[in-house]
N, C-alpha and C. Protein backbone atom coordinates (compact mmCIF):
# COMPACT_ATOMS: atom_id res chain seq x y z
N SER A 1 -6.79 -202.24 375.58
CA SER A 1 -7.17 -202.96 376.78
C SER A 1 -8.32 -202.23 377.46
N THR A 2 -9.07 -202.95 378.26
CA THR A 2 -10.19 -202.34 378.99
C THR A 2 -10.07 -202.72 380.46
N ALA A 3 -10.10 -201.71 381.34
CA ALA A 3 -10.02 -201.94 382.78
C ALA A 3 -11.42 -201.81 383.35
N ASP A 4 -11.97 -202.94 383.83
CA ASP A 4 -13.30 -202.95 384.41
C ASP A 4 -14.35 -202.33 383.49
N LYS A 5 -14.12 -202.39 382.19
CA LYS A 5 -15.05 -201.91 381.16
C LYS A 5 -15.41 -200.43 381.33
N ARG A 6 -14.56 -199.65 381.95
CA ARG A 6 -14.80 -198.21 382.12
C ARG A 6 -13.76 -197.35 381.44
N VAL A 7 -12.55 -197.88 381.25
CA VAL A 7 -11.46 -197.12 380.67
C VAL A 7 -10.86 -197.93 379.53
N THR A 8 -10.61 -197.27 378.39
CA THR A 8 -9.89 -197.93 377.31
C THR A 8 -8.58 -197.20 377.10
N ALA A 9 -7.55 -197.95 376.76
CA ALA A 9 -6.24 -197.38 376.47
C ALA A 9 -5.74 -197.96 375.16
N VAL A 10 -5.23 -197.08 374.31
CA VAL A 10 -4.69 -197.49 373.02
C VAL A 10 -3.31 -196.88 372.89
N VAL A 11 -2.35 -197.70 372.46
CA VAL A 11 -0.98 -197.23 372.27
C VAL A 11 -0.54 -197.65 370.88
N GLY A 12 0.18 -196.75 370.21
CA GLY A 12 0.66 -197.06 368.87
C GLY A 12 2.10 -196.63 368.70
N ALA A 13 2.83 -197.35 367.86
CA ALA A 13 4.19 -197.00 367.49
C ALA A 13 4.27 -197.05 365.97
N PHE A 14 4.77 -196.00 365.37
CA PHE A 14 4.77 -195.89 363.91
C PHE A 14 6.18 -195.67 363.40
N SER A 15 6.47 -196.28 362.25
CA SER A 15 7.81 -196.13 361.68
C SER A 15 7.84 -194.95 360.72
N GLY A 16 9.06 -194.50 360.39
CA GLY A 16 9.24 -193.40 359.45
C GLY A 16 8.75 -193.77 358.07
N ASN A 17 8.68 -192.77 357.21
CA ASN A 17 8.14 -193.02 355.87
C ASN A 17 9.19 -192.85 354.78
N GLY A 18 10.45 -192.77 355.14
CA GLY A 18 11.50 -192.70 354.13
C GLY A 18 11.70 -191.33 353.52
N ILE A 19 11.10 -190.29 354.10
CA ILE A 19 11.27 -188.95 353.54
C ILE A 19 12.71 -188.47 353.68
N THR A 20 13.29 -188.68 354.86
CA THR A 20 14.64 -188.16 355.10
C THR A 20 15.72 -189.07 354.54
N ASN A 21 15.51 -190.38 354.59
CA ASN A 21 16.47 -191.30 353.99
C ASN A 21 15.80 -192.65 353.79
N ALA A 22 16.38 -193.45 352.99
CA ALA A 22 15.77 -194.73 352.62
C ALA A 22 15.71 -195.72 353.77
N THR A 23 16.51 -195.55 354.80
CA THR A 23 16.54 -196.52 355.90
C THR A 23 15.61 -196.16 357.04
N SER A 24 14.95 -195.01 357.01
CA SER A 24 14.13 -194.61 358.15
C SER A 24 12.86 -195.43 358.29
N ASP A 25 12.50 -196.21 357.26
CA ASP A 25 11.28 -197.01 357.34
C ASP A 25 11.36 -198.09 358.42
N SER A 26 12.53 -198.52 358.79
CA SER A 26 12.65 -199.60 359.76
C SER A 26 12.70 -199.09 361.21
N LYS A 27 12.73 -197.79 361.43
CA LYS A 27 12.84 -197.24 362.77
C LYS A 27 11.50 -196.70 363.25
N ILE A 28 11.21 -196.87 364.51
CA ILE A 28 10.01 -196.28 365.10
C ILE A 28 10.28 -194.80 365.31
N SER A 29 9.38 -193.96 364.80
CA SER A 29 9.62 -192.52 364.91
C SER A 29 8.52 -191.79 365.68
N LEU A 30 7.33 -192.35 365.79
CA LEU A 30 6.23 -191.66 366.44
C LEU A 30 5.53 -192.62 367.41
N LEU A 31 5.39 -192.18 368.65
CA LEU A 31 4.66 -192.94 369.66
C LEU A 31 3.37 -192.19 369.95
N ASP A 32 2.27 -192.91 370.07
CA ASP A 32 0.96 -192.30 370.25
C ASP A 32 0.19 -193.09 371.30
N GLY A 33 -0.51 -192.39 372.17
CA GLY A 33 -1.31 -193.07 373.18
C GLY A 33 -2.57 -192.30 373.48
N LYS A 34 -3.64 -193.01 373.80
CA LYS A 34 -4.91 -192.38 374.12
C LYS A 34 -5.59 -193.16 375.23
N VAL A 35 -6.14 -192.43 376.20
CA VAL A 35 -6.93 -193.01 377.27
C VAL A 35 -8.31 -192.39 377.18
N LYS A 36 -9.33 -193.24 377.24
CA LYS A 36 -10.70 -192.75 377.09
C LYS A 36 -11.59 -193.41 378.12
N LEU A 37 -12.35 -192.59 378.83
CA LEU A 37 -13.39 -193.14 379.70
C LEU A 37 -14.56 -193.53 378.81
N LEU A 38 -15.11 -194.69 379.04
CA LEU A 38 -16.23 -195.10 378.22
C LEU A 38 -17.40 -194.15 378.44
N PRO A 39 -18.12 -193.82 377.38
CA PRO A 39 -19.22 -192.87 377.51
C PRO A 39 -20.21 -193.31 378.58
N ALA A 40 -20.69 -192.35 379.33
CA ALA A 40 -21.71 -192.61 380.35
C ALA A 40 -23.00 -191.96 379.90
N ALA A 41 -24.12 -192.62 380.14
CA ALA A 41 -25.42 -192.09 379.73
C ALA A 41 -26.39 -192.19 380.91
N PHE A 42 -27.21 -191.17 381.04
CA PHE A 42 -28.23 -191.11 382.08
C PHE A 42 -29.55 -190.74 381.43
N THR A 43 -30.60 -191.48 381.73
CA THR A 43 -31.90 -191.21 381.14
C THR A 43 -32.93 -191.01 382.24
N SER A 44 -33.73 -189.96 382.08
CA SER A 44 -34.82 -189.68 383.01
C SER A 44 -36.01 -189.21 382.17
N GLY A 45 -37.01 -190.05 382.06
CA GLY A 45 -38.16 -189.72 381.22
C GLY A 45 -37.73 -189.62 379.76
N THR A 46 -37.94 -188.44 379.14
CA THR A 46 -37.55 -188.25 377.74
C THR A 46 -36.19 -187.55 377.61
N THR A 47 -35.52 -187.28 378.73
CA THR A 47 -34.23 -186.59 378.71
C THR A 47 -33.10 -187.61 378.81
N ARG A 48 -32.15 -187.51 377.88
CA ARG A 48 -30.98 -188.39 377.89
C ARG A 48 -29.73 -187.51 377.89
N ILE A 49 -28.86 -187.72 378.88
CA ILE A 49 -27.61 -186.98 378.99
C ILE A 49 -26.46 -187.97 378.81
N GLU A 50 -25.50 -187.61 377.96
CA GLU A 50 -24.34 -188.46 377.70
C GLU A 50 -23.06 -187.66 377.92
N THR A 51 -22.03 -188.32 378.44
CA THR A 51 -20.72 -187.70 378.62
C THR A 51 -19.64 -188.56 377.99
N ASP A 52 -18.57 -187.92 377.57
CA ASP A 52 -17.46 -188.61 376.92
C ASP A 52 -16.19 -187.82 377.25
N ILE A 53 -15.17 -188.47 377.83
CA ILE A 53 -13.95 -187.79 378.24
C ILE A 53 -12.75 -188.62 377.77
N SER A 54 -11.71 -187.92 377.23
CA SER A 54 -10.51 -188.64 376.80
C SER A 54 -9.29 -187.73 376.86
N ALA A 55 -8.12 -188.33 376.78
CA ALA A 55 -6.85 -187.60 376.73
C ALA A 55 -5.88 -188.39 375.87
N SER A 56 -4.98 -187.68 375.19
CA SER A 56 -4.02 -188.38 374.35
C SER A 56 -2.70 -187.63 374.31
N ALA A 57 -1.66 -188.32 373.83
CA ALA A 57 -0.34 -187.71 373.69
C ALA A 57 0.38 -188.37 372.52
N GLU A 58 1.22 -187.58 371.85
CA GLU A 58 2.08 -188.07 370.77
C GLU A 58 3.49 -187.56 371.02
N TYR A 59 4.47 -188.41 370.80
CA TYR A 59 5.87 -188.04 371.01
C TYR A 59 6.68 -188.48 369.80
N THR A 60 7.60 -187.62 369.36
CA THR A 60 8.47 -187.96 368.25
C THR A 60 9.81 -187.25 368.38
N ARG A 61 10.80 -187.83 367.72
CA ARG A 61 12.10 -187.17 367.57
C ARG A 61 12.41 -186.93 366.10
N ASP A 62 11.49 -187.33 365.22
CA ASP A 62 11.66 -187.18 363.77
C ASP A 62 11.09 -185.83 363.34
N PRO A 63 11.86 -184.97 362.69
CA PRO A 63 11.36 -183.66 362.28
C PRO A 63 10.23 -183.73 361.25
N ASN A 64 10.05 -184.87 360.60
CA ASN A 64 8.96 -185.01 359.63
C ASN A 64 7.63 -185.38 360.29
N ASP A 65 7.66 -185.81 361.55
CA ASP A 65 6.43 -186.09 362.29
C ASP A 65 6.02 -184.80 363.01
N LEU A 66 4.74 -184.53 363.09
CA LEU A 66 4.22 -183.33 363.75
C LEU A 66 4.93 -182.08 363.25
N PRO A 67 4.96 -181.84 361.93
CA PRO A 67 5.76 -180.74 361.37
C PRO A 67 5.26 -179.35 361.74
N THR A 68 4.02 -179.20 362.19
CA THR A 68 3.51 -177.87 362.51
C THR A 68 3.92 -177.41 363.91
N ILE A 69 4.58 -178.27 364.68
CA ILE A 69 5.02 -177.90 366.02
C ILE A 69 6.45 -177.35 365.92
N PRO A 70 6.66 -176.10 366.32
CA PRO A 70 8.03 -175.56 366.31
C PRO A 70 8.94 -176.39 367.20
N ALA A 71 10.18 -176.54 366.80
CA ALA A 71 11.09 -177.41 367.55
C ALA A 71 12.29 -176.63 368.07
N LEU A 72 12.58 -176.81 369.36
CA LEU A 72 13.80 -176.28 369.96
C LEU A 72 14.94 -177.27 369.77
N GLY A 73 14.57 -178.50 369.59
CA GLY A 73 15.52 -179.58 369.39
C GLY A 73 14.78 -180.71 368.72
N ARG A 74 15.21 -181.91 368.92
CA ARG A 74 14.58 -183.05 368.25
C ARG A 74 13.28 -183.49 368.91
N ASP A 75 13.14 -183.35 370.21
CA ASP A 75 11.97 -183.86 370.91
C ASP A 75 10.75 -182.99 370.69
N ARG A 76 9.62 -183.63 370.38
CA ARG A 76 8.34 -182.94 370.25
C ARG A 76 7.27 -183.77 370.94
N LEU A 77 6.45 -183.10 371.76
CA LEU A 77 5.38 -183.76 372.49
C LEU A 77 4.11 -182.96 372.29
N LEU A 78 3.05 -183.62 371.85
CA LEU A 78 1.74 -183.01 371.69
C LEU A 78 0.78 -183.74 372.61
N TYR A 79 0.03 -183.02 373.44
CA TYR A 79 -0.91 -183.68 374.34
C TYR A 79 -2.20 -182.88 374.41
N ASN A 80 -3.31 -183.57 374.73
CA ASN A 80 -4.61 -182.90 374.79
C ASN A 80 -5.57 -183.64 375.69
N GLY A 81 -6.61 -182.93 376.08
CA GLY A 81 -7.72 -183.50 376.83
C GLY A 81 -9.02 -183.04 376.20
N GLN A 82 -10.00 -183.93 376.14
CA GLN A 82 -11.27 -183.64 375.47
C GLN A 82 -12.43 -184.03 376.36
N ALA A 83 -13.54 -183.30 376.22
CA ALA A 83 -14.77 -183.64 376.94
C ALA A 83 -15.96 -183.26 376.08
N ARG A 84 -17.02 -184.06 376.17
CA ARG A 84 -18.25 -183.81 375.42
C ARG A 84 -19.43 -184.16 376.32
N VAL A 85 -20.46 -183.29 376.29
CA VAL A 85 -21.71 -183.53 377.02
C VAL A 85 -22.85 -183.25 376.05
N SER A 86 -23.81 -184.15 376.03
CA SER A 86 -24.99 -183.93 375.18
C SER A 86 -26.26 -184.22 375.97
N CYS A 87 -27.29 -183.48 375.63
CA CYS A 87 -28.61 -183.67 376.22
C CYS A 87 -29.61 -183.71 375.08
N ASN A 88 -30.11 -184.89 374.81
CA ASN A 88 -31.00 -185.12 373.66
C ASN A 88 -30.31 -184.63 372.39
N THR A 89 -30.79 -183.56 371.75
CA THR A 89 -30.21 -183.12 370.48
C THR A 89 -29.20 -181.99 370.63
N VAL A 90 -29.02 -181.46 371.84
CA VAL A 90 -28.10 -180.35 372.08
C VAL A 90 -26.80 -180.90 372.67
N TRP A 91 -25.66 -180.37 372.21
CA TRP A 91 -24.38 -180.86 372.69
C TRP A 91 -23.37 -179.73 372.80
N THR A 92 -22.36 -179.96 373.62
CA THR A 92 -21.20 -179.07 373.69
C THR A 92 -19.98 -179.94 373.92
N GLU A 93 -18.85 -179.50 373.38
CA GLU A 93 -17.61 -180.23 373.57
C GLU A 93 -16.45 -179.25 373.55
N GLY A 94 -15.35 -179.67 374.12
CA GLY A 94 -14.17 -178.83 374.14
C GLY A 94 -12.91 -179.65 374.20
N GLU A 95 -11.82 -179.01 373.84
CA GLU A 95 -10.52 -179.67 373.87
C GLU A 95 -9.46 -178.65 374.27
N TYR A 96 -8.57 -179.05 375.15
CA TYR A 96 -7.38 -178.27 375.46
C TYR A 96 -6.20 -179.03 374.87
N TYR A 97 -5.29 -178.33 374.21
CA TYR A 97 -4.12 -179.00 373.66
C TYR A 97 -2.89 -178.12 373.85
N ALA A 98 -1.76 -178.77 373.91
CA ALA A 98 -0.49 -178.07 374.07
C ALA A 98 0.61 -178.89 373.41
N ALA A 99 1.70 -178.21 373.09
CA ALA A 99 2.84 -178.89 372.50
C ALA A 99 4.11 -178.36 373.16
N ALA A 100 5.07 -179.25 373.31
CA ALA A 100 6.35 -178.89 373.90
C ALA A 100 7.47 -179.45 373.04
N SER A 101 8.59 -178.75 373.08
CA SER A 101 9.79 -179.22 372.40
C SER A 101 10.95 -179.08 373.38
N ASN A 102 11.65 -180.18 373.62
CA ASN A 102 12.74 -180.23 374.60
C ASN A 102 12.31 -179.67 375.94
N GLY A 103 11.08 -179.96 376.36
CA GLY A 103 10.59 -179.57 377.67
C GLY A 103 10.04 -178.15 377.77
N THR A 104 10.02 -177.40 376.68
CA THR A 104 9.52 -176.03 376.68
C THR A 104 8.22 -175.95 375.89
N THR A 105 7.19 -175.35 376.48
CA THR A 105 5.91 -175.21 375.78
C THR A 105 6.08 -174.28 374.59
N VAL A 106 5.65 -174.74 373.41
CA VAL A 106 5.77 -173.92 372.19
C VAL A 106 4.41 -173.48 371.66
N LEU A 107 3.34 -174.13 372.08
CA LEU A 107 1.99 -173.66 371.76
C LEU A 107 1.00 -174.31 372.70
N ASN A 108 -0.12 -173.60 372.93
CA ASN A 108 -1.24 -174.19 373.66
C ASN A 108 -2.51 -173.46 373.24
N GLY A 109 -3.62 -174.16 373.38
CA GLY A 109 -4.88 -173.56 372.97
C GLY A 109 -6.05 -174.44 373.34
N PHE A 110 -7.24 -173.99 372.94
CA PHE A 110 -8.44 -174.76 373.21
C PHE A 110 -9.51 -174.40 372.18
N PHE A 111 -10.52 -175.24 372.10
CA PHE A 111 -11.71 -174.90 371.34
C PHE A 111 -12.93 -175.35 372.12
N ILE A 112 -14.03 -174.68 371.87
CA ILE A 112 -15.33 -175.04 372.45
C ILE A 112 -16.34 -175.06 371.31
N ASP A 113 -17.07 -176.16 371.18
CA ASP A 113 -18.13 -176.30 370.19
C ASP A 113 -19.47 -176.44 370.90
N ALA A 114 -20.52 -175.99 370.25
CA ALA A 114 -21.88 -176.23 370.74
C ALA A 114 -22.76 -176.41 369.51
N GLY A 115 -23.76 -177.26 369.65
CA GLY A 115 -24.62 -177.49 368.50
C GLY A 115 -25.96 -178.06 368.87
N ASN A 116 -26.81 -178.14 367.86
CA ASN A 116 -28.15 -178.68 368.02
C ASN A 116 -28.50 -179.48 366.78
N ARG A 117 -28.83 -180.74 366.97
CA ARG A 117 -29.25 -181.61 365.87
C ARG A 117 -30.73 -181.36 365.63
N LEU A 118 -31.03 -180.58 364.58
CA LEU A 118 -32.42 -180.20 364.29
C LEU A 118 -33.24 -181.38 363.77
N THR A 119 -32.62 -182.17 362.90
CA THR A 119 -33.23 -183.39 362.35
C THR A 119 -32.14 -184.44 362.33
N PRO A 120 -32.46 -185.70 362.02
CA PRO A 120 -31.38 -186.70 361.93
C PRO A 120 -30.31 -186.34 360.89
N ALA A 121 -30.64 -185.48 359.91
CA ALA A 121 -29.70 -185.16 358.84
C ALA A 121 -29.11 -183.75 358.93
N VAL A 122 -29.64 -182.86 359.78
CA VAL A 122 -29.18 -181.47 359.81
C VAL A 122 -28.82 -181.04 361.23
N GLU A 123 -27.67 -180.38 361.35
CA GLU A 123 -27.17 -179.94 362.65
C GLU A 123 -26.62 -178.52 362.51
N LEU A 124 -26.92 -177.65 363.48
CA LEU A 124 -26.33 -176.32 363.55
C LEU A 124 -25.20 -176.36 364.56
N ALA A 125 -24.09 -175.65 364.29
CA ALA A 125 -22.94 -175.70 365.20
C ALA A 125 -22.27 -174.33 365.28
N LEU A 126 -21.74 -174.03 366.47
CA LEU A 126 -20.93 -172.84 366.73
C LEU A 126 -19.61 -173.30 367.33
N ARG A 127 -18.54 -172.52 367.08
CA ARG A 127 -17.22 -172.91 367.58
C ARG A 127 -16.41 -171.66 367.91
N PHE A 128 -15.64 -171.74 368.99
CA PHE A 128 -14.66 -170.71 369.33
C PHE A 128 -13.32 -171.39 369.50
N GLU A 129 -12.27 -170.83 368.86
CA GLU A 129 -10.92 -171.37 368.95
C GLU A 129 -9.98 -170.30 369.49
N TRP A 130 -9.03 -170.71 370.32
CA TRP A 130 -8.02 -169.82 370.87
C TRP A 130 -6.70 -170.56 370.84
N LEU A 131 -5.66 -169.93 370.29
CA LEU A 131 -4.36 -170.58 370.17
C LEU A 131 -3.25 -169.57 370.46
N SER A 132 -2.36 -169.93 371.35
CA SER A 132 -1.21 -169.11 371.68
C SER A 132 0.05 -169.84 371.22
N LYS A 133 0.77 -169.22 370.30
CA LYS A 133 2.04 -169.78 369.83
C LYS A 133 3.15 -169.03 370.54
N HIS A 134 3.94 -169.75 371.31
CA HIS A 134 5.00 -169.12 372.09
C HIS A 134 6.23 -168.91 371.23
N PRO A 135 6.86 -167.75 371.34
CA PRO A 135 8.08 -167.51 370.56
C PRO A 135 9.15 -168.54 370.91
N VAL A 136 9.80 -169.04 369.87
CA VAL A 136 10.90 -169.98 370.06
C VAL A 136 12.17 -169.24 369.65
N SER A 137 13.09 -169.13 370.55
CA SER A 137 14.31 -168.35 370.33
C SER A 137 14.99 -168.75 369.02
N GLY A 138 15.24 -167.75 368.19
CA GLY A 138 15.93 -167.99 366.94
C GLY A 138 15.04 -168.52 365.83
N ILE A 139 13.79 -168.89 366.15
CA ILE A 139 12.91 -169.45 365.13
C ILE A 139 11.74 -168.50 364.85
N GLN A 140 11.12 -167.96 365.90
CA GLN A 140 9.93 -167.14 365.74
C GLN A 140 10.08 -165.84 366.54
N ALA A 141 9.50 -164.79 366.01
CA ALA A 141 9.39 -163.54 366.77
C ALA A 141 8.12 -163.63 367.61
N SER A 142 7.77 -162.56 368.27
CA SER A 142 6.55 -162.51 369.07
C SER A 142 5.34 -162.77 368.16
N LEU A 143 4.43 -163.60 368.60
CA LEU A 143 3.30 -164.00 367.77
C LEU A 143 1.98 -163.59 368.43
N PRO A 144 0.99 -163.19 367.62
CA PRO A 144 -0.31 -162.84 368.20
C PRO A 144 -1.07 -164.10 368.62
N ILE A 145 -2.00 -163.93 369.53
CA ILE A 145 -2.88 -165.03 369.93
C ILE A 145 -3.97 -165.15 368.87
N ASP A 146 -4.16 -166.36 368.34
CA ASP A 146 -5.19 -166.59 367.33
C ASP A 146 -6.54 -166.80 367.99
N ARG A 147 -7.56 -166.08 367.51
CA ARG A 147 -8.93 -166.26 367.98
C ARG A 147 -9.83 -166.35 366.76
N LYS A 148 -10.65 -167.41 366.72
CA LYS A 148 -11.56 -167.62 365.59
C LYS A 148 -12.94 -167.99 366.10
N TYR A 149 -13.95 -167.51 365.39
CA TYR A 149 -15.34 -167.85 365.65
C TYR A 149 -15.89 -168.50 364.39
N LEU A 150 -16.61 -169.60 364.55
CA LEU A 150 -17.19 -170.29 363.41
C LEU A 150 -18.67 -170.55 363.64
N ALA A 151 -19.44 -170.51 362.58
CA ALA A 151 -20.85 -170.90 362.60
C ALA A 151 -21.06 -171.78 361.38
N GLY A 152 -21.79 -172.86 361.56
CA GLY A 152 -21.95 -173.76 360.43
C GLY A 152 -23.20 -174.60 360.48
N VAL A 153 -23.46 -175.20 359.33
CA VAL A 153 -24.54 -176.17 359.18
C VAL A 153 -23.90 -177.47 358.73
N ASN A 154 -24.17 -178.53 359.45
CA ASN A 154 -23.68 -179.86 359.09
C ASN A 154 -24.83 -180.67 358.51
N TRP A 155 -24.56 -181.33 357.39
CA TRP A 155 -25.58 -182.15 356.74
C TRP A 155 -25.04 -183.57 356.62
N TYR A 156 -25.84 -184.55 357.06
CA TYR A 156 -25.49 -185.96 357.01
C TYR A 156 -26.43 -186.65 356.01
N PRO A 157 -26.09 -186.65 354.71
CA PRO A 157 -26.99 -187.27 353.73
C PRO A 157 -27.16 -188.77 353.95
N ILE A 158 -26.10 -189.43 354.43
CA ILE A 158 -26.15 -190.82 354.87
C ILE A 158 -25.23 -190.94 356.08
N ASP A 159 -25.33 -192.03 356.82
CA ASP A 159 -24.66 -192.16 358.12
C ASP A 159 -23.17 -191.83 358.12
N PHE A 160 -22.43 -192.23 357.10
CA PHE A 160 -20.98 -192.09 357.15
C PHE A 160 -20.44 -190.92 356.32
N ILE A 161 -21.30 -190.01 355.90
CA ILE A 161 -20.87 -188.82 355.16
C ILE A 161 -21.37 -187.58 355.88
N LYS A 162 -20.47 -186.60 356.04
CA LYS A 162 -20.80 -185.33 356.68
C LYS A 162 -20.33 -184.20 355.78
N ILE A 163 -21.23 -183.29 355.46
CA ILE A 163 -20.89 -182.11 354.65
C ILE A 163 -21.14 -180.88 355.51
N GLN A 164 -20.10 -180.04 355.64
CA GLN A 164 -20.19 -178.86 356.49
C GLN A 164 -20.12 -177.59 355.63
N LEU A 165 -21.01 -176.66 355.89
CA LEU A 165 -20.97 -175.34 355.29
C LEU A 165 -20.68 -174.37 356.42
N ASN A 166 -19.50 -173.73 356.41
CA ASN A 166 -19.04 -172.94 357.54
C ASN A 166 -18.74 -171.50 357.16
N TYR A 167 -19.01 -170.61 358.11
CA TYR A 167 -18.57 -169.22 358.06
C TYR A 167 -17.57 -169.06 359.19
N GLU A 168 -16.43 -168.41 358.90
CA GLU A 168 -15.39 -168.25 359.91
C GLU A 168 -15.00 -166.78 360.02
N ARG A 169 -14.88 -166.31 361.25
CA ARG A 169 -14.38 -164.97 361.54
C ARG A 169 -13.07 -165.12 362.28
N ASP A 170 -11.97 -164.69 361.64
CA ASP A 170 -10.65 -164.71 362.27
C ASP A 170 -10.45 -163.35 362.93
N GLN A 171 -10.63 -163.31 364.24
CA GLN A 171 -10.56 -162.06 364.99
C GLN A 171 -9.13 -161.50 365.01
N THR A 172 -8.15 -162.36 364.99
CA THR A 172 -6.75 -161.93 365.06
C THR A 172 -6.37 -161.10 363.84
N TYR A 173 -6.77 -161.55 362.66
CA TYR A 173 -6.38 -160.89 361.42
C TYR A 173 -7.53 -160.13 360.77
N SER A 174 -8.66 -159.98 361.48
CA SER A 174 -9.84 -159.28 360.98
C SER A 174 -10.24 -159.78 359.59
N ALA A 175 -10.35 -161.09 359.47
CA ALA A 175 -10.67 -161.71 358.18
C ALA A 175 -11.93 -162.56 358.31
N ASN A 176 -12.71 -162.60 357.24
CA ASN A 176 -13.91 -163.44 357.16
C ASN A 176 -13.72 -164.45 356.05
N GLY A 177 -14.33 -165.61 356.21
CA GLY A 177 -14.23 -166.61 355.17
C GLY A 177 -15.34 -167.62 355.26
N GLY A 178 -15.55 -168.32 354.19
CA GLY A 178 -16.53 -169.39 354.15
C GLY A 178 -15.93 -170.58 353.44
N TYR A 179 -16.33 -171.76 353.82
CA TYR A 179 -15.82 -172.95 353.15
C TYR A 179 -16.77 -174.12 353.34
N ILE A 180 -16.58 -175.11 352.47
CA ILE A 180 -17.33 -176.36 352.54
C ILE A 180 -16.33 -177.46 352.87
N ASN A 181 -16.67 -178.29 353.83
CA ASN A 181 -15.82 -179.40 354.25
C ASN A 181 -16.59 -180.70 354.03
N PHE A 182 -15.93 -181.72 353.50
CA PHE A 182 -16.55 -183.01 353.23
C PHE A 182 -15.81 -184.06 354.03
N GLN A 183 -16.53 -184.86 354.84
CA GLN A 183 -15.92 -185.93 355.64
C GLN A 183 -16.59 -187.26 355.31
N TYR A 184 -15.76 -188.27 355.18
CA TYR A 184 -16.22 -189.62 354.88
C TYR A 184 -15.64 -190.56 355.92
N ALA A 185 -16.46 -191.31 356.61
CA ALA A 185 -16.00 -192.25 357.64
C ALA A 185 -15.71 -193.58 357.00
N VAL A 186 -14.44 -193.98 357.01
CA VAL A 186 -14.02 -195.24 356.38
C VAL A 186 -14.51 -196.43 357.19
N ASN A 187 -14.51 -196.32 358.52
CA ASN A 187 -14.90 -197.45 359.38
C ASN A 187 -16.33 -197.35 359.86
N ALA A 188 -17.22 -196.86 359.04
CA ALA A 188 -18.62 -196.70 359.45
C ALA A 188 -19.25 -198.06 359.72
N ASP A 189 -20.10 -198.11 360.75
CA ASP A 189 -20.80 -199.35 361.06
C ASP A 189 -22.05 -199.50 360.22
C-alpha cells in the first residue's frame, strides 16, 4: 500500500517447508513486514542528492526459520533500520539490526558502507561491520564482539549483474581474506 505516495508498506506471511514434519506446509510460520519512505531527491545545478530510509521486522516461532538467531524459546524477532545518502557518484549507507528471543536481545550490530562510482561499470567500496552476540544462558558462553573491515571493487558488466572482488580484515580473530561475490538480479528492469 502507499500512503500519500511517500510511504510504502509490505507485509508477508510464509508457510513452513516441511523440514520438521510433513504437515508444516499448511501452517504460517514466518511473518515479515517492511516500511520504506520513498526515495527523496534534490538537485541543484550539477549536484544531485538522494536519500532512502526503511525499516523491517521478521517474526517466527518455527526453529527452522531464522536459524542463525540463538533462541531462548520458540519466539524469534529480527528487526532493522536502514538509511542511504548519495551525492552524484559518492554514497554512504548503514543499517542497524537486532534480534530477540522471548523478549531478550540475543544479538545486535550495524554496518556502514561508503563508495564511489568511478564509471557506470566500476565502483569502489569500503565497509565496517560490528556485531555483538549476547550470551544465551545454557546455549552460549561469553562471546567476543565481531569487527570487520572490507575494501572492494564492484563491477557491473551489465545492468543486472554485479561482481565483487573484496578484501576483508576480521579484527576480532586477526584474520585476512579475499573473495569474489557474484550477484544476479532476477527482477531487473
